[in-house]
Structures are given as C-alpha cells and as structure tokens.
Amino acid sequence: MIHIDKEACIGCALCEALCPQNFKLNDEVKAEVVSQEMRDCVREAKDNCPTMAITID
C-alpha cells in the first residue's frame, strides 16, 4: 500500500508532478493517494519526496 504522512507532507506537489495518476494535493495543500496501483512513478515520487512523507509497504 502507498501511504502519505500528512504531518511530514509540506505540499510541494512533486509527487503529483511525477505521478498524477496516484497523487494529488487536497484542499489543505497536502498530498493524498488517489490510486493504489503500483507504477514506476510511485517509487520515483517516494525516492524524491523532500520530507520522505511517502511510504510503500
């Protein structure tokens, strides 16, 4: 599963830019997962998140 730590997320939107099929910013300008489908871009977003707010288990 793909998870976002809402406390760690700073709303930079890098995850959404890298993988818009899986991530979007909500009204609170925090990332949220919109699809649990694993794609290469999900791992790329996880690896590039500046606050390491994305986890995959």
PDB file of N, CA and C in Angstrom:
ATOM      1  N   MET A   1       0.829  -1.189   0.000  1.00  0.00           N
ATOM      2  CA  MET A   1       0.000   0.000   0.000  1.00  0.00           C
ATOM      3  C   MET A   1       0.876   1.257   0.000  1.00  0.00           C
ATOM      4  N   ILE A   2       0.343   2.301  -0.571  1.00  0.00           N
ATOM      5  CA  ILE A   2       1.008   3.596  -0.631  1.00  0.00           C
ATOM      6  C   ILE A   2       0.394   4.481   0.458  1.00  0.00           C
ATOM      7  N   HIS A   3       1.251   5.109   1.275  1.00  0.00           N
ATOM      8  CA  HIS A   3       0.786   5.962   2.364  1.00  0.00           C
ATOM      9  C   HIS A   3       1.460   7.325   2.288  1.00  0.00           C
ATOM     10  N   ILE A   4       0.750   8.340   2.756  1.00  0.00           N
ATOM     11  CA  ILE A   4       1.299   9.689   2.895  1.00  0.00           C
ATOM     12  C   ILE A   4       1.233  10.066   4.376  1.00  0.00           C
ATOM     13  N   ASP A   5       2.351  10.489   4.925  1.00  0.00           N
ATOM     14  CA  ASP A   5       2.382  11.024   6.284  1.00  0.00           C
ATOM     15  C   ASP A   5       1.979  12.486   6.191  1.00  0.00           C
ATOM     16  N   LYS A   6       0.745  12.785   6.575  1.00  0.00           N
ATOM     17  CA  LYS A   6       0.202  14.145   6.441  1.00  0.00           C
ATOM     18  C   LYS A   6       0.978  15.161   7.276  1.00  0.00           C
ATOM     19  N   GLU A   7       1.531  14.721   8.390  1.00  0.00           N
ATOM     20  CA  GLU A   7       2.318  15.627   9.233  1.00  0.00           C
ATOM     21  C   GLU A   7       3.640  15.991   8.550  1.00  0.00           C
ATOM     22  N   ALA A   8       4.224  15.058   7.843  1.00  0.00           N
ATOM     23  CA  ALA A   8       5.511  15.300   7.181  1.00  0.00           C
ATOM     24  C   ALA A   8       5.353  16.039   5.852  1.00  0.00           C
ATOM     25  N   CYS A   9       4.218  15.871   5.194  1.00  0.00           N
ATOM     26  CA  CYS A   9       3.996  16.471   3.874  1.00  0.00           C
ATOM     27  C   CYS A   9       4.000  18.000   3.968  1.00  0.00           C
ATOM     28  N   ILE A  10       4.780  18.626   3.076  1.00  0.00           N
ATOM     29  CA  ILE A  10       4.837  20.093   3.035  1.00  0.00           C
ATOM     30  C   ILE A  10       4.090  20.662   1.831  1.00  0.00           C
ATOM     31  N   GLY A  11       3.446  19.795   1.053  1.00  0.00           N
ATOM     32  CA  GLY A  11       2.645  20.257  -0.078  1.00  0.00           C
ATOM     33  C   GLY A  11       3.450  20.783  -1.250  1.00  0.00           C
ATOM     34  N   CYS A  12       4.648  20.237  -1.449  1.00  0.00           N
ATOM     35  CA  CYS A  12       5.491  20.729  -2.544  1.00  0.00           C
ATOM     36  C   CYS A  12       4.970  20.302  -3.912  1.00  0.00           C
ATOM     37  N   ALA A  13       4.129  19.282  -3.957  1.00  0.00           N
ATOM     38  CA  ALA A  13       3.474  18.780  -5.173  1.00  0.00           C
ATOM     39  C   ALA A  13       4.399  18.032  -6.121  1.00  0.00           C
ATOM     40  N   LEU A  14       5.601  17.671  -5.669  1.00  0.00           N
ATOM     41  CA  LEU A  14       6.496  16.898  -6.521  1.00  0.00           C
ATOM     42  C   LEU A  14       5.879  15.543  -6.862  1.00  0.00           C
ATOM     43  N   CYS A  15       5.250  14.902  -5.890  1.00  0.00           N
ATOM     44  CA  CYS A  15       4.628  13.600  -6.143  1.00  0.00           C
ATOM     45  C   CYS A  15       3.542  13.707  -7.209  1.00  0.00           C
ATOM     46  N   GLU A  16       2.748  14.745  -7.122  1.00  0.00           N
ATOM     47  CA  GLU A  16       1.691  14.954  -8.113  1.00  0.00           C
ATOM     48  C   GLU A  16       2.281  15.222  -9.489  1.00  0.00           C
ATOM     49  N   ALA A  17       3.359  15.976  -9.541  1.00  0.00           N
ATOM     50  CA  ALA A  17       4.005  16.263 -10.824  1.00  0.00           C
ATOM     51  C   ALA A  17       4.620  15.006 -11.435  1.00  0.00           C
ATOM     52  N   LEU A  18       5.205  14.157 -10.598  1.00  0.00           N
ATOM     53  CA  LEU A  18       5.851  12.941 -11.088  1.00  0.00           C
ATOM     54  C   LEU A  18       4.858  11.830 -11.395  1.00  0.00           C
ATOM     55  N   CYS A  19       3.765  11.779 -10.662  1.00  0.00           N
ATOM     56  CA  CYS A  19       2.842  10.651 -10.777  1.00  0.00           C
ATOM     57  C   CYS A  19       1.395  11.094 -10.529  1.00  0.00           C
ATOM     58  N   PRO A  20       0.837  11.881 -11.442  1.00  0.00           N
ATOM     59  CA  PRO A  20      -0.517  12.414 -11.222  1.00  0.00           C
ATOM     60  C   PRO A  20      -1.617  11.351 -11.189  1.00  0.00           C
ATOM     61  N   GLN A  21      -1.317  10.159 -11.682  1.00  0.00           N
ATOM     62  CA  GLN A  21      -2.309   9.081 -11.630  1.00  0.00           C
ATOM     63  C   GLN A  21      -2.510   8.580 -10.203  1.00  0.00           C
ATOM     64  N   ASN A  22      -1.518   8.811  -9.332  1.00  0.00           N
ATOM     65  CA  ASN A  22      -1.570   8.280  -7.982  1.00  0.00           C
ATOM     66  C   ASN A  22      -1.695   9.326  -6.885  1.00  0.00           C
ATOM     67  N   PHE A  23      -1.229  10.546  -7.154  1.00  0.00           N
ATOM     68  CA  PHE A  23      -1.191  11.564  -6.106  1.00  0.00           C
ATOM     69  C   PHE A  23      -1.864  12.855  -6.549  1.00  0.00           C
ATOM     70  N   LYS A  24      -2.466  13.539  -5.578  1.00  0.00           N
ATOM     71  CA  LYS A  24      -2.978  14.883  -5.827  1.00  0.00           C
ATOM     72  C   LYS A  24      -2.926  15.651  -4.515  1.00  0.00           C
ATOM     73  N   LEU A  25      -2.910  16.966  -4.621  1.00  0.00           N
ATOM     74  CA  LEU A  25      -2.962  17.795  -3.426  1.00  0.00           C
ATOM     75  C   LEU A  25      -4.422  18.037  -3.069  1.00  0.00           C
ATOM     76  N   ASN A  26      -4.726  17.950  -1.787  1.00  0.00           N
ATOM     77  CA  ASN A  26      -6.097  18.184  -1.344  1.00  0.00           C
ATOM     78  C   ASN A  26      -6.299  19.663  -1.002  1.00  0.00           C
ATOM     79  N   ASP A  27      -7.448  19.998  -0.465  1.00  0.00           N
ATOM     80  CA  ASP A  27      -7.778  21.389  -0.126  1.00  0.00           C
ATOM     81  C   ASP A  27      -6.880  21.969   0.965  1.00  0.00           C
ATOM     82  N   GLU A  28      -6.255  21.096   1.738  1.00  0.00           N
ATOM     83  CA  GLU A  28      -5.332  21.536   2.784  1.00  0.00           C
ATOM     84  C   GLU A  28      -3.901  21.637   2.274  1.00  0.00           C
ATOM     85  N   VAL A  29      -3.725  21.480   0.971  1.00  0.00           N
ATOM     86  CA  VAL A  29      -2.424  21.502   0.288  1.00  0.00           C
ATOM     87  C   VAL A  29      -1.496  20.437   0.875  1.00  0.00           C
ATOM     88  N   LYS A  30      -2.060  19.264   1.049  1.00  0.00           N
ATOM     89  CA  LYS A  30      -1.320  18.077   1.469  1.00  0.00           C
ATOM     90  C   LYS A  30      -1.575  16.998   0.427  1.00  0.00           C
ATOM     91  N   ALA A  31      -0.548  16.206   0.161  1.00  0.00           N
ATOM     92  CA  ALA A  31      -0.703  15.131  -0.821  1.00  0.00           C
ATOM     93  C   ALA A  31      -1.634  14.053  -0.285  1.00  0.00           C
ATOM     94  N   GLU A  32      -2.363  13.456  -1.208  1.00  0.00           N
ATOM     95  CA  GLU A  32      -3.154  12.288  -0.857  1.00  0.00           C
ATOM     96  C   GLU A  32      -3.057  11.288  -1.999  1.00  0.00           C
ATOM     97  N   VAL A  33      -3.249  10.029  -1.659  1.00  0.00           N
ATOM     98  CA  VAL A  33      -3.179   8.943  -2.630  1.00  0.00           C
ATOM     99  C   VAL A  33      -4.551   8.805  -3.271  1.00  0.00           C
ATOM    100  N   VAL A  34      -4.589   8.833  -4.606  1.00  0.00           N
ATOM    101  CA  VAL A  34      -5.859   8.674  -5.312  1.00  0.00           C
ATOM    102  C   VAL A  34      -5.958   7.325  -6.019  1.00  0.00           C
ATOM    103  N   SER A  35      -4.823   6.605  -6.101  1.00  0.00           N
ATOM    104  CA  SER A  35      -4.825   5.261  -6.672  1.00  0.00           C
ATOM    105  C   SER A  35      -3.729   4.451  -5.997  1.00  0.00           C
ATOM    106  N   GLN A  36      -4.045   3.224  -5.632  1.00  0.00           N
ATOM    107  CA  GLN A  36      -3.066   2.321  -5.027  1.00  0.00           C
ATOM    108  C   GLN A  36      -2.331   1.489  -6.081  1.00  0.00           C
ATOM    109  N   GLU A  37      -2.632   1.710  -7.338  1.00  0.00           N
ATOM    110  CA  GLU A  37      -1.954   0.953  -8.398  1.00  0.00           C
ATOM    111  C   GLU A  37      -0.466   1.302  -8.417  1.00  0.00           C
ATOM    112  N   MET A  38       0.367   0.269  -8.341  1.00  0.00           N
ATOM    113  CA  MET A  38       1.814   0.499  -8.325  1.00  0.00           C
ATOM    114  C   MET A  38       2.317   0.780  -9.741  1.00  0.00           C
ATOM    115  N   ARG A  39       2.998   1.887  -9.873  1.00  0.00           N
ATOM    116  CA  ARG A  39       3.630   2.289 -11.118  1.00  0.00           C
ATOM    117  C   ARG A  39       5.070   2.675 -10.785  1.00  0.00           C
ATOM    118  N   ASP A  40       5.929   2.703 -11.783  1.00  0.00           N
ATOM    119  CA  ASP A  40       7.310   3.128 -11.566  1.00  0.00           C
ATOM    120  C   ASP A  40       7.367   4.534 -10.986  1.00  0.00           C
ATOM    121  N   CYS A  41       6.442   5.391 -11.403  1.00  0.00           N
ATOM    122  CA  CYS A  41       6.466   6.774 -10.940  1.00  0.00           C
ATOM    123  C   CYS A  41       6.154   6.886  -9.447  1.00  0.00           C
ATOM    124  N   VAL A  42       5.475   5.903  -8.854  1.00  0.00           N
ATOM    125  CA  VAL A  42       5.205   5.934  -7.418  1.00  0.00           C
ATOM    126  C   VAL A  42       6.517   5.822  -6.652  1.00  0.00           C
ATOM    127  N   ARG A  43       7.361   4.904  -7.076  1.00  0.00           N
ATOM    128  CA  ARG A  43       8.668   4.748  -6.422  1.00  0.00           C
ATOM    129  C   ARG A  43       9.534   5.980  -6.653  1.00  0.00           C
ATOM    130  N   GLU A  44       9.440   6.552  -7.841  1.00  0.00           N
ATOM    131  CA  GLU A  44      10.194   7.770  -8.133  1.00  0.00           C
ATOM    132  C   GLU A  44       9.736   8.909  -7.214  1.00  0.00           C
ATOM    133  N   ALA A  45       8.430   9.038  -7.027  1.00  0.00           N
ATOM    134  CA  ALA A  45       7.898  10.065  -6.131  1.00  0.00           C
ATOM    135  C   ALA A  45       8.363   9.818  -4.698  1.00  0.00           C
ATOM    136  N   LYS A  46       8.319   8.571  -4.253  1.00  0.00           N
ATOM    137  CA  LYS A  46       8.782   8.227  -2.908  1.00  0.00           C
ATOM    138  C   LYS A  46      10.249   8.594  -2.739  1.00  0.00           C
ATOM    139  N   ASP A  47      11.065   8.210  -3.699  1.00  0.00           N
ATOM    140  CA  ASP A  47      12.505   8.450  -3.610  1.00  0.00           C
ATOM    141  C   ASP A  47      12.871   9.928  -3.661  1.00  0.00           C
ATOM    142  N   ASN A  48      12.012  10.754  -4.261  1.00  0.00           N
ATOM    143  CA  ASN A  48      12.310  12.171  -4.428  1.00  0.00           C
ATOM    144  C   ASN A  48      11.551  13.088  -3.475  1.00  0.00           C
ATOM    145  N   CYS A  49      10.688  12.543  -2.644  1.00  0.00           N
ATOM    146  CA  CYS A  49       9.938  13.364  -1.692  1.00  0.00           C
ATOM    147  C   CYS A  49      10.920  14.027  -0.721  1.00  0.00           C
ATOM    148  N   PRO A  50      10.912  15.358  -0.639  1.00  0.00           N
ATOM    149  CA  PRO A  50      11.899  16.041   0.197  1.00  0.00           C
ATOM    150  C   PRO A  50      11.749  15.787   1.696  1.00  0.00           C
ATOM    151  N   THR A  51      10.574  15.372   2.127  1.00  0.00           N
ATOM    152  CA  THR A  51      10.370  15.103   3.559  1.00  0.00           C
ATOM    153  C   THR A  51      10.172  13.605   3.849  1.00  0.00           C
ATOM    154  N   MET A  52      10.344  12.762   2.844  1.00  0.00           N
ATOM    155  CA  MET A  52      10.156  11.320   2.980  1.00  0.00           C
ATOM    156  C   MET A  52       8.772  10.971   3.542  1.00  0.00           C
ATOM    157  N   ALA A  53       7.764  11.711   3.079  1.00  0.00           N
ATOM    158  CA  ALA A  53       6.391  11.527   3.570  1.00  0.00           C
ATOM    159  C   ALA A  53       5.689  10.338   2.926  1.00  0.00           C
ATOM    160  N   ILE A  54       6.239   9.810   1.841  1.00  0.00           N
ATOM    161  CA  ILE A  54       5.609   8.694   1.127  1.00  0.00           C
ATOM    162  C   ILE A  54       6.254   7.388   1.564  1.00  0.00           C
ATOM    163  N   THR A  55       5.424   6.432   1.941  1.00  0.00           N
ATOM    164  CA  THR A  55       5.912   5.088   2.246  1.00  0.00           C
ATOM    165  C   THR A  55       5.136   4.074   1.435  1.00  0.00           C
ATOM    166  N   ILE A  56       5.791   2.971   1.167  1.00  0.00           N
ATOM    167  CA  ILE A  56       5.185   1.866   0.421  1.00  0.00           C
ATOM    168  C   ILE A  56       5.435   0.592   1.219  1.00  0.00           C
ATOM    169  N   ASP A  57       4.359  -0.165   1.462  1.00  0.00           N
ATOM    170  CA  ASP A  57       4.552  -1.453   2.137  1.00  0.00           C
ATOM    171  C   ASP A  57       3.892  -2.565   1.382  1.00  0.00           C
TER     172      ASP A  57
END
